[in-house]
Amino acid sequence: MANGEEKKIGSVKIEDEVLGAIASITAKKILGVHKIATSFVGGIMQLIKKVPDAGVKVVVREGEVNLELGLIVDYGINIPEITWKVQKTIKEEIEKASGLKVVKIDVFVEGVYYPEEEKK
């Protein structure tokens, strides 16, 4: 448009579930993240509806996003390093996909995955 003007055609609303799904998918791609921790109800929803954002809490206020998610990490990884990488990568992906500013990402390590075959 001329003179840097943008013409607005309508409004765009990105549902919290979409942002939660982006966060969940992004976190699971990071080496050392075994899975997203879910509550009992979230786990059932994940089984029944295949909800990708179960275990991710999203709050959007005035164009800013806050997230909370729990992780089960693989045994033997550096927990501070992996949680920082999860925060950084989720922030980049959500800001790139949505144009919203990610203000805070709280990551709770709720467990460690230790493969059964290594226990023997």
Protein backbone atom coordinates (compact mmCIF):
# COMPACT_ATOMS: atom_id res chain seq x y z
CA MET A 1 0.00 0.00 0.00
CA ALA A 2 1.06 3.59 -0.55
CA ASN A 3 2.77 5.54 2.25
CA GLY A 4 3.16 2.45 4.44
CA GLU A 5 -0.59 2.17 5.00
CA GLU A 6 -2.07 -1.25 5.58
CA LYS A 7 -5.65 -1.96 4.72
CA LYS A 8 -7.44 -4.05 7.32
CA ILE A 9 -9.85 -6.58 5.84
CA GLY A 10 -11.07 -8.06 9.12
CA SER A 11 -9.90 -9.37 12.46
CA VAL A 12 -7.81 -12.42 13.23
CA LYS A 13 -8.13 -14.44 16.44
CA ILE A 14 -5.74 -17.27 17.20
CA GLU A 15 -7.26 -19.71 19.70
CA ASP A 16 -5.24 -20.58 22.78
CA GLU A 17 -5.36 -24.25 21.74
CA VAL A 18 -3.46 -23.42 18.55
CA LEU A 19 -0.69 -21.72 20.52
CA GLY A 20 -0.65 -24.66 22.95
CA ALA A 21 -0.34 -27.11 20.06
CA ILE A 22 2.59 -25.13 18.60
CA ALA A 23 4.31 -25.16 22.02
CA SER A 24 3.70 -28.88 22.52
CA ILE A 25 4.84 -29.93 19.05
CA THR A 26 7.92 -27.70 19.30
CA ALA A 27 8.93 -29.03 22.73
CA LYS A 28 8.57 -32.67 21.66
CA LYS A 29 11.01 -32.10 18.78
CA ILE A 30 13.81 -31.15 21.18
CA LEU A 31 16.26 -33.94 21.92
CA GLY A 32 15.96 -34.93 25.58
CA VAL A 33 12.26 -34.13 25.92
CA HIS A 34 10.50 -37.46 26.32
CA LYS A 35 6.95 -36.08 26.45
CA ILE A 36 4.69 -33.33 27.74
CA ALA A 37 3.38 -34.08 31.22
CA THR A 38 -0.40 -33.99 31.50
CA SER A 39 -2.91 -34.12 34.28
CA PHE A 40 -5.21 -37.13 34.53
CA VAL A 41 -7.97 -35.29 32.64
CA GLY A 42 -5.50 -33.96 30.06
CA GLY A 43 -4.20 -37.47 29.49
CA ILE A 44 -7.70 -38.78 28.85
CA MET A 45 -8.41 -35.90 26.44
CA GLN A 46 -5.18 -36.66 24.63
CA LEU A 47 -6.21 -40.32 24.20
CA ILE A 48 -9.82 -39.64 23.18
CA LYS A 49 -9.52 -36.53 21.03
CA LYS A 50 -5.81 -36.66 20.12
CA VAL A 51 -5.44 -33.16 21.61
CA PRO A 52 -1.85 -32.06 20.89
CA ASP A 53 -1.87 -29.23 23.45
CA ALA A 54 -2.81 -31.29 26.54
CA GLY A 55 -0.46 -30.27 29.32
CA VAL A 56 0.17 -26.73 28.04
CA LYS A 57 -1.52 -23.77 29.71
CA VAL A 58 -1.79 -20.64 27.54
CA VAL A 59 -2.84 -17.15 28.65
CA VAL A 60 -3.12 -14.37 26.05
CA ARG A 61 -3.59 -10.76 27.16
CA GLU A 62 -3.31 -7.69 24.94
CA GLY A 63 -1.12 -9.34 22.33
CA GLU A 64 1.18 -11.00 24.87
CA VAL A 65 1.42 -14.72 25.62
CA ASN A 66 2.31 -16.56 28.83
CA LEU A 67 2.73 -20.33 28.80
CA GLU A 68 3.16 -23.11 31.34
CA LEU A 69 4.08 -26.68 30.49
CA GLY A 70 5.28 -29.75 32.28
CA LEU A 71 7.90 -32.07 30.83
CA ILE A 72 9.11 -35.60 31.27
CA VAL A 73 12.78 -35.55 30.27
CA ASP A 74 15.11 -38.35 29.26
CA TYR A 75 17.46 -39.67 31.95
CA GLY A 76 21.00 -38.30 31.75
CA ILE A 77 20.33 -34.94 30.12
CA ASN A 78 21.30 -31.54 31.50
CA ILE A 79 17.97 -30.27 32.84
CA PRO A 80 18.79 -26.52 32.98
CA GLU A 81 20.11 -26.68 29.41
CA ILE A 82 17.09 -28.55 28.02
CA THR A 83 14.56 -26.29 29.76
CA TRP A 84 16.29 -23.17 28.45
CA LYS A 85 16.27 -24.65 24.94
CA VAL A 86 12.56 -25.49 25.26
CA GLN A 87 11.77 -21.93 26.36
CA LYS A 88 13.86 -20.33 23.60
CA THR A 89 12.54 -22.57 20.82
CA ILE A 90 8.87 -22.26 21.82
CA LYS A 91 9.20 -18.46 22.07
CA GLU A 92 10.70 -18.27 18.57
CA GLU A 93 8.10 -20.58 17.01
CA ILE A 94 5.04 -18.92 18.57
CA GLU A 95 6.25 -15.40 17.76
CA LYS A 96 7.05 -16.43 14.17
CA ALA A 97 3.71 -18.20 13.65
CA SER A 98 1.40 -15.78 15.45
CA GLY A 99 3.02 -12.37 15.57
CA LEU A 100 2.26 -12.27 19.31
CA LYS A 101 4.96 -11.47 21.87
CA VAL A 102 5.82 -14.32 24.23
CA VAL A 103 6.50 -12.76 27.63
CA LYS A 104 6.95 -15.79 29.87
CA ILE A 105 7.31 -19.56 29.58
CA ASP A 106 7.33 -21.54 32.81
CA VAL A 107 8.67 -25.07 32.40
CA PHE A 108 8.12 -27.67 35.13
CA VAL A 109 10.17 -30.85 34.97
CA GLU A 110 7.73 -33.38 36.40
CA GLY A 111 9.59 -36.58 35.78
CA VAL A 112 12.50 -38.45 34.25
CA TYR A 113 12.10 -41.23 31.70
CA TYR A 114 14.39 -44.18 32.24
CA PRO A 115 13.99 -46.96 29.66
CA GLU A 116 13.15 -50.38 31.14
CA GLU A 117 15.82 -52.21 29.15
CA GLU A 118 18.54 -50.10 30.78
CA LYS A 119 17.24 -50.99 34.26
CA LYS A 120 18.03 -54.69 33.73
